[in-house]
N, C-alpha and C. Protein backbone atom coordinates (compact mmCIF):
# COMPACT_ATOMS: atom_id res chain seq x y z
N MET A 1 10.55 9.26 -41.44
CA MET A 1 9.23 9.40 -40.82
C MET A 1 9.11 8.50 -39.60
N ARG A 2 9.58 7.29 -39.72
CA ARG A 2 9.48 6.34 -38.60
C ARG A 2 10.26 6.83 -37.39
N THR A 3 11.44 7.39 -37.60
CA THR A 3 12.27 7.91 -36.52
C THR A 3 11.55 9.05 -35.80
N VAL A 4 10.90 9.89 -36.54
CA VAL A 4 10.17 11.02 -35.95
C VAL A 4 9.04 10.52 -35.07
N LEU A 5 8.29 9.54 -35.52
CA LEU A 5 7.19 9.00 -34.72
C LEU A 5 7.68 8.35 -33.44
N ILE A 6 8.76 7.62 -33.50
CA ILE A 6 9.31 6.98 -32.31
C ILE A 6 9.78 8.05 -31.33
N LEU A 7 10.47 9.06 -31.82
CA LEU A 7 10.93 10.16 -30.97
C LEU A 7 9.77 10.89 -30.33
N ALA A 8 8.73 11.17 -31.10
CA ALA A 8 7.55 11.85 -30.56
C ALA A 8 6.90 11.01 -29.48
N GLY A 9 6.81 9.70 -29.68
CA GLY A 9 6.22 8.80 -28.68
C GLY A 9 7.05 8.77 -27.42
N THR A 10 8.36 8.76 -27.57
CA THR A 10 9.26 8.76 -26.42
C THR A 10 9.13 10.04 -25.62
N LEU A 11 9.05 11.18 -26.31
CA LEU A 11 8.88 12.46 -25.62
C LEU A 11 7.56 12.53 -24.89
N ALA A 12 6.48 12.04 -25.48
CA ALA A 12 5.17 12.06 -24.84
C ALA A 12 5.17 11.18 -23.60
N LEU A 13 5.80 10.02 -23.69
CA LEU A 13 5.86 9.11 -22.54
C LEU A 13 6.68 9.75 -21.42
N GLY A 14 7.79 10.39 -21.77
CA GLY A 14 8.61 11.06 -20.77
C GLY A 14 7.86 12.19 -20.08
N ALA A 15 7.05 12.92 -20.82
CA ALA A 15 6.28 14.02 -20.24
C ALA A 15 5.25 13.49 -19.26
N CYS A 16 4.62 12.37 -19.59
CA CYS A 16 3.63 11.79 -18.68
C CYS A 16 4.29 11.31 -17.40
N ALA A 17 5.46 10.70 -17.53
CA ALA A 17 6.14 10.15 -16.36
C ALA A 17 6.66 11.24 -15.43
N SER A 18 7.04 12.38 -16.00
CA SER A 18 7.62 13.42 -15.16
C SER A 18 6.62 14.49 -14.76
N GLY A 19 5.41 14.49 -15.34
CA GLY A 19 4.40 15.49 -15.03
C GLY A 19 3.79 15.28 -13.66
N PRO A 20 3.02 16.25 -13.18
CA PRO A 20 2.46 16.17 -11.84
C PRO A 20 1.42 15.07 -11.68
N ASN A 21 0.66 14.76 -12.71
CA ASN A 21 -0.32 13.66 -12.69
C ASN A 21 -1.29 13.76 -11.52
N THR A 22 -1.68 14.97 -11.16
CA THR A 22 -2.66 15.17 -10.09
C THR A 22 -3.79 16.05 -10.61
N ALA A 23 -4.85 16.09 -9.84
CA ALA A 23 -6.03 16.89 -10.18
C ALA A 23 -6.45 17.67 -8.94
N PRO A 24 -7.28 18.68 -9.14
CA PRO A 24 -7.79 19.42 -7.98
C PRO A 24 -8.62 18.49 -7.08
N PRO A 25 -8.72 18.82 -5.80
CA PRO A 25 -9.56 18.02 -4.90
C PRO A 25 -11.02 18.09 -5.33
N PRO A 26 -11.84 17.16 -4.85
CA PRO A 26 -13.26 17.18 -5.20
C PRO A 26 -13.93 18.50 -4.81
N THR A 27 -14.98 18.85 -5.52
CA THR A 27 -15.75 20.06 -5.23
C THR A 27 -16.21 20.04 -3.77
N GLY A 28 -16.05 21.16 -3.11
CA GLY A 28 -16.48 21.27 -1.72
C GLY A 28 -15.38 20.99 -0.71
N PHE A 29 -14.25 20.45 -1.14
CA PHE A 29 -13.14 20.18 -0.22
C PHE A 29 -12.40 21.48 0.04
N ASP A 30 -12.26 21.86 1.32
CA ASP A 30 -11.60 23.10 1.70
C ASP A 30 -10.19 22.79 2.19
N ALA A 31 -9.20 23.01 1.34
CA ALA A 31 -7.81 22.70 1.68
C ALA A 31 -7.26 23.57 2.80
N SER A 32 -7.91 24.69 3.11
CA SER A 32 -7.42 25.56 4.18
C SER A 32 -8.04 25.22 5.54
N ALA A 33 -8.92 24.25 5.57
CA ALA A 33 -9.59 23.87 6.83
C ALA A 33 -8.63 23.14 7.77
N SER A 34 -9.07 22.96 9.00
CA SER A 34 -8.28 22.18 9.97
C SER A 34 -9.02 20.91 10.38
N ALA A 35 -10.21 20.70 9.82
CA ALA A 35 -10.98 19.48 10.06
C ALA A 35 -11.57 19.03 8.72
N PHE A 36 -11.54 17.71 8.48
CA PHE A 36 -11.97 17.15 7.20
C PHE A 36 -12.90 15.97 7.50
N THR A 37 -14.16 16.10 7.10
CA THR A 37 -15.18 15.11 7.41
C THR A 37 -15.58 14.36 6.15
N GLY A 38 -15.77 13.05 6.30
CA GLY A 38 -16.21 12.24 5.16
C GLY A 38 -16.18 10.77 5.53
N TRP A 39 -16.18 9.95 4.50
CA TRP A 39 -16.17 8.50 4.63
C TRP A 39 -14.78 8.00 4.28
N VAL A 40 -14.24 7.10 5.08
CA VAL A 40 -12.83 6.74 4.94
C VAL A 40 -12.63 5.30 4.46
N ARG A 41 -11.61 5.15 3.63
CA ARG A 41 -11.09 3.83 3.24
C ARG A 41 -9.62 3.84 3.65
N VAL A 42 -9.22 2.89 4.48
CA VAL A 42 -7.84 2.81 4.94
C VAL A 42 -7.11 1.79 4.07
N THR A 43 -5.98 2.21 3.53
CA THR A 43 -5.17 1.34 2.67
C THR A 43 -3.72 1.38 3.15
N GLY A 44 -3.39 0.55 4.10
CA GLY A 44 -2.02 0.49 4.61
C GLY A 44 -1.63 1.74 5.37
N GLU A 45 -0.60 2.42 4.88
CA GLU A 45 -0.07 3.59 5.57
C GLU A 45 -0.77 4.88 5.18
N GLU A 46 -1.88 4.76 4.45
CA GLU A 46 -2.58 5.92 3.92
C GLU A 46 -4.08 5.71 4.07
N PHE A 47 -4.82 6.81 4.15
CA PHE A 47 -6.28 6.71 4.07
C PHE A 47 -6.75 7.51 2.87
N GLN A 48 -7.96 7.21 2.43
CA GLN A 48 -8.61 7.96 1.37
C GLN A 48 -9.93 8.46 1.93
N LEU A 49 -10.15 9.76 1.89
CA LEU A 49 -11.35 10.38 2.44
C LEU A 49 -12.28 10.79 1.31
N PHE A 50 -13.52 10.28 1.36
CA PHE A 50 -14.54 10.54 0.35
C PHE A 50 -15.63 11.40 0.98
N SER A 51 -16.24 12.28 0.19
CA SER A 51 -17.29 13.13 0.73
C SER A 51 -18.59 12.35 0.91
N GLY A 52 -18.84 11.36 0.07
CA GLY A 52 -20.09 10.62 0.15
C GLY A 52 -19.87 9.12 0.30
N GLN A 53 -20.79 8.46 0.96
CA GLN A 53 -20.68 7.03 1.17
C GLN A 53 -20.76 6.28 -0.16
N ARG A 54 -21.52 6.80 -1.12
CA ARG A 54 -21.65 6.12 -2.42
C ARG A 54 -20.31 6.09 -3.15
N ASP A 55 -19.49 7.15 -3.01
CA ASP A 55 -18.16 7.16 -3.63
C ASP A 55 -17.24 6.14 -2.97
N LEU A 56 -17.38 6.00 -1.67
CA LEU A 56 -16.57 5.04 -0.91
C LEU A 56 -16.82 3.61 -1.39
N SER A 57 -18.06 3.30 -1.72
CA SER A 57 -18.39 1.93 -2.11
C SER A 57 -18.00 1.61 -3.55
N ASN A 58 -17.55 2.61 -4.31
CA ASN A 58 -17.09 2.38 -5.67
C ASN A 58 -15.57 2.16 -5.63
N PRO A 59 -15.10 0.93 -5.87
CA PRO A 59 -13.68 0.63 -5.71
C PRO A 59 -12.74 1.39 -6.65
N VAL A 60 -13.25 1.93 -7.75
CA VAL A 60 -12.39 2.66 -8.68
C VAL A 60 -12.56 4.18 -8.58
N SER A 61 -13.37 4.65 -7.65
CA SER A 61 -13.60 6.09 -7.50
C SER A 61 -12.34 6.79 -7.03
N ARG A 62 -12.05 7.92 -7.66
CA ARG A 62 -10.95 8.79 -7.24
C ARG A 62 -11.50 10.13 -6.75
N ALA A 63 -12.76 10.15 -6.33
CA ALA A 63 -13.38 11.36 -5.77
C ALA A 63 -13.01 11.44 -4.30
N CYS A 64 -11.72 11.46 -4.02
CA CYS A 64 -11.23 11.40 -2.64
C CYS A 64 -9.99 12.27 -2.50
N VAL A 65 -9.56 12.39 -1.25
CA VAL A 65 -8.29 13.05 -0.93
C VAL A 65 -7.52 12.09 -0.04
N SER A 66 -6.27 11.83 -0.39
CA SER A 66 -5.42 10.93 0.39
C SER A 66 -4.85 11.66 1.60
N GLY A 67 -4.46 10.88 2.59
CA GLY A 67 -3.82 11.44 3.77
C GLY A 67 -3.31 10.35 4.67
N ALA A 68 -2.79 10.74 5.81
CA ALA A 68 -2.29 9.78 6.78
C ALA A 68 -2.30 10.39 8.17
N LEU A 69 -2.34 9.50 9.14
CA LEU A 69 -2.14 9.84 10.54
C LEU A 69 -0.70 9.49 10.88
N PRO A 70 -0.17 9.97 12.01
CA PRO A 70 1.14 9.51 12.45
C PRO A 70 1.17 7.97 12.54
N ARG A 71 2.32 7.37 12.36
CA ARG A 71 2.49 5.92 12.19
C ARG A 71 1.66 5.06 13.13
N ASN A 72 1.76 5.22 14.43
CA ASN A 72 1.04 4.34 15.35
C ASN A 72 -0.47 4.49 15.22
N LEU A 73 -0.95 5.71 15.07
CA LEU A 73 -2.39 5.93 14.87
C LEU A 73 -2.85 5.36 13.54
N GLN A 74 -2.05 5.52 12.49
CA GLN A 74 -2.41 5.00 11.17
C GLN A 74 -2.49 3.48 11.21
N ARG A 75 -1.53 2.83 11.85
CA ARG A 75 -1.54 1.37 11.94
C ARG A 75 -2.75 0.86 12.70
N ALA A 76 -3.22 1.63 13.66
CA ALA A 76 -4.38 1.22 14.47
C ALA A 76 -5.71 1.59 13.81
N SER A 77 -5.68 2.26 12.66
CA SER A 77 -6.91 2.77 12.06
C SER A 77 -7.52 1.87 11.00
N GLY A 78 -6.97 0.70 10.77
CA GLY A 78 -7.48 -0.19 9.73
C GLY A 78 -8.94 -0.53 9.86
N ASP A 79 -9.45 -0.62 11.08
CA ASP A 79 -10.85 -0.97 11.29
C ASP A 79 -11.80 0.21 11.05
N LEU A 80 -11.27 1.37 10.70
CA LEU A 80 -12.12 2.54 10.42
C LEU A 80 -12.70 2.53 9.01
N SER A 81 -12.18 1.68 8.12
CA SER A 81 -12.68 1.65 6.74
C SER A 81 -14.19 1.50 6.72
N GLY A 82 -14.84 2.35 5.94
CA GLY A 82 -16.29 2.34 5.82
C GLY A 82 -17.00 3.25 6.81
N SER A 83 -16.26 3.86 7.72
CA SER A 83 -16.86 4.72 8.75
C SER A 83 -16.90 6.18 8.29
N GLN A 84 -17.84 6.91 8.86
CA GLN A 84 -17.86 8.36 8.69
C GLN A 84 -16.97 8.93 9.79
N VAL A 85 -16.01 9.77 9.41
CA VAL A 85 -15.01 10.25 10.36
C VAL A 85 -14.74 11.74 10.16
N ARG A 86 -14.04 12.30 11.13
CA ARG A 86 -13.53 13.66 11.02
C ARG A 86 -12.05 13.61 11.38
N PHE A 87 -11.20 13.99 10.43
CA PHE A 87 -9.77 14.09 10.68
C PHE A 87 -9.45 15.52 11.03
N SER A 88 -8.58 15.71 12.01
CA SER A 88 -8.06 17.03 12.36
C SER A 88 -6.62 17.10 11.89
N GLY A 89 -6.24 18.22 11.33
CA GLY A 89 -4.88 18.39 10.85
C GLY A 89 -4.80 19.52 9.85
N ARG A 90 -3.98 19.31 8.83
CA ARG A 90 -3.79 20.33 7.80
C ARG A 90 -3.51 19.63 6.47
N THR A 91 -3.47 20.41 5.42
CA THR A 91 -3.14 19.84 4.12
C THR A 91 -1.72 20.23 3.72
N LEU A 92 -1.20 19.46 2.79
CA LEU A 92 0.09 19.74 2.18
C LEU A 92 -0.11 19.69 0.67
N ALA A 93 0.35 20.72 -0.02
CA ALA A 93 0.31 20.68 -1.49
C ALA A 93 1.24 19.56 -1.94
N TRP A 94 0.74 18.65 -2.79
CA TRP A 94 1.54 17.50 -3.22
C TRP A 94 2.83 17.96 -3.88
N ALA A 95 2.81 19.07 -4.55
CA ALA A 95 4.01 19.60 -5.21
C ALA A 95 5.08 20.02 -4.19
N ASP A 96 4.70 20.28 -2.95
CA ASP A 96 5.64 20.73 -1.92
C ASP A 96 6.41 19.60 -1.26
N ARG A 97 6.19 18.36 -1.67
CA ARG A 97 6.89 17.23 -1.05
C ARG A 97 8.33 17.12 -1.53
N GLY A 98 8.70 17.91 -2.51
CA GLY A 98 10.06 17.85 -3.05
C GLY A 98 10.13 16.88 -4.23
N GLN A 99 11.27 16.27 -4.41
CA GLN A 99 11.49 15.37 -5.55
C GLN A 99 11.02 13.94 -5.29
N ALA A 100 10.64 13.62 -4.08
CA ALA A 100 10.25 12.25 -3.73
C ALA A 100 8.92 11.87 -4.38
N GLN A 101 8.72 10.58 -4.59
CA GLN A 101 7.46 10.07 -5.13
C GLN A 101 6.41 9.92 -4.03
N THR A 102 6.83 9.94 -2.77
CA THR A 102 5.93 9.79 -1.63
C THR A 102 6.23 10.90 -0.62
N HIS A 103 5.41 10.96 0.43
CA HIS A 103 5.67 11.92 1.51
C HIS A 103 5.57 11.18 2.84
N ASP A 104 6.55 11.39 3.70
CA ASP A 104 6.55 10.78 5.03
C ASP A 104 5.86 11.72 6.01
N TRP A 105 4.76 11.24 6.63
CA TRP A 105 4.07 12.02 7.65
C TRP A 105 4.22 11.30 8.97
N GLN A 106 5.19 11.72 9.77
CA GLN A 106 5.45 11.19 11.09
C GLN A 106 5.51 9.66 11.08
N GLY A 107 6.21 9.09 10.09
CA GLY A 107 6.41 7.65 10.00
C GLY A 107 5.46 6.92 9.07
N SER A 108 4.41 7.57 8.60
CA SER A 108 3.49 6.97 7.63
C SER A 108 3.84 7.49 6.24
N THR A 109 3.83 6.60 5.27
CA THR A 109 4.17 6.97 3.90
C THR A 109 2.91 7.23 3.10
N ILE A 110 2.77 8.45 2.60
CA ILE A 110 1.64 8.83 1.76
C ILE A 110 2.07 8.68 0.30
N THR A 111 1.31 7.88 -0.44
CA THR A 111 1.59 7.69 -1.87
C THR A 111 0.65 8.51 -2.75
N ASN A 112 -0.37 9.10 -2.16
CA ASN A 112 -1.37 9.92 -2.87
C ASN A 112 -2.15 9.08 -3.87
N GLY A 113 -2.75 8.00 -3.40
CA GLY A 113 -3.55 7.13 -4.24
C GLY A 113 -4.73 7.83 -4.89
N CYS A 114 -5.23 8.90 -4.30
CA CYS A 114 -6.34 9.66 -4.89
C CYS A 114 -5.87 10.58 -6.00
N ARG A 115 -4.56 10.82 -6.07
CA ARG A 115 -3.96 11.64 -7.12
C ARG A 115 -4.52 13.06 -7.16
N LYS A 116 -4.59 13.69 -5.99
CA LYS A 116 -5.06 15.07 -5.91
C LYS A 116 -3.89 16.02 -5.65
N ASP A 117 -4.12 17.31 -5.84
CA ASP A 117 -3.09 18.34 -5.66
C ASP A 117 -2.68 18.52 -4.21
N VAL A 118 -3.51 18.05 -3.27
CA VAL A 118 -3.22 18.16 -1.84
C VAL A 118 -3.43 16.81 -1.17
N VAL A 119 -2.77 16.64 -0.02
CA VAL A 119 -2.99 15.48 0.84
C VAL A 119 -3.25 15.99 2.25
N ILE A 120 -3.87 15.15 3.08
CA ILE A 120 -4.20 15.53 4.46
C ILE A 120 -3.14 14.98 5.40
N LEU A 121 -2.57 15.85 6.21
CA LEU A 121 -1.63 15.46 7.27
C LEU A 121 -2.42 15.53 8.57
N ALA A 122 -2.99 14.39 8.97
CA ALA A 122 -3.90 14.36 10.12
C ALA A 122 -3.14 14.10 11.41
N ASP A 123 -3.64 14.71 12.49
CA ASP A 123 -3.08 14.49 13.82
C ASP A 123 -3.95 13.57 14.65
N ARG A 124 -5.27 13.59 14.35
CA ARG A 124 -6.19 12.73 15.09
C ARG A 124 -7.44 12.47 14.25
N VAL A 125 -8.21 11.47 14.68
CA VAL A 125 -9.43 11.09 13.97
C VAL A 125 -10.52 10.85 14.99
N GLU A 126 -11.74 11.18 14.60
CA GLU A 126 -12.93 10.97 15.43
C GLU A 126 -13.96 10.24 14.56
N VAL A 127 -14.47 9.11 15.06
CA VAL A 127 -15.51 8.38 14.33
C VAL A 127 -16.85 9.02 14.62
N LEU A 128 -17.58 9.35 13.56
CA LEU A 128 -18.88 10.01 13.72
C LEU A 128 -20.03 9.02 13.72
N ARG A 129 -19.91 7.96 12.93
CA ARG A 129 -20.91 6.89 12.94
C ARG A 129 -20.42 5.68 12.23
């Protein structure tokens, strides 16, 4: 009996580690759009886009979609945290990144901190307020 329980626990842990571990984007997010508007939190080589300012102020909220700008623009975007912005670009299905744990977008590494099925590959950003 003990061997069976250990084996079952090992299999469950392996399934969690190898599974997709993502969720659909928040309600109202249009993955086919070419512009994405919301409130941004910049975390290193990645940004997290929230639909509402209240979600942005919650440090544990995952009501966001991760993305990145090309390397030089991403590095210069750290002061955008807390701003309402519009990113232009496209989305990538997280499953389409291949076997890697991250995705390289023109020199920026996306880790998908929001853990959604899609990420934003942005080309430019506009601050709205």
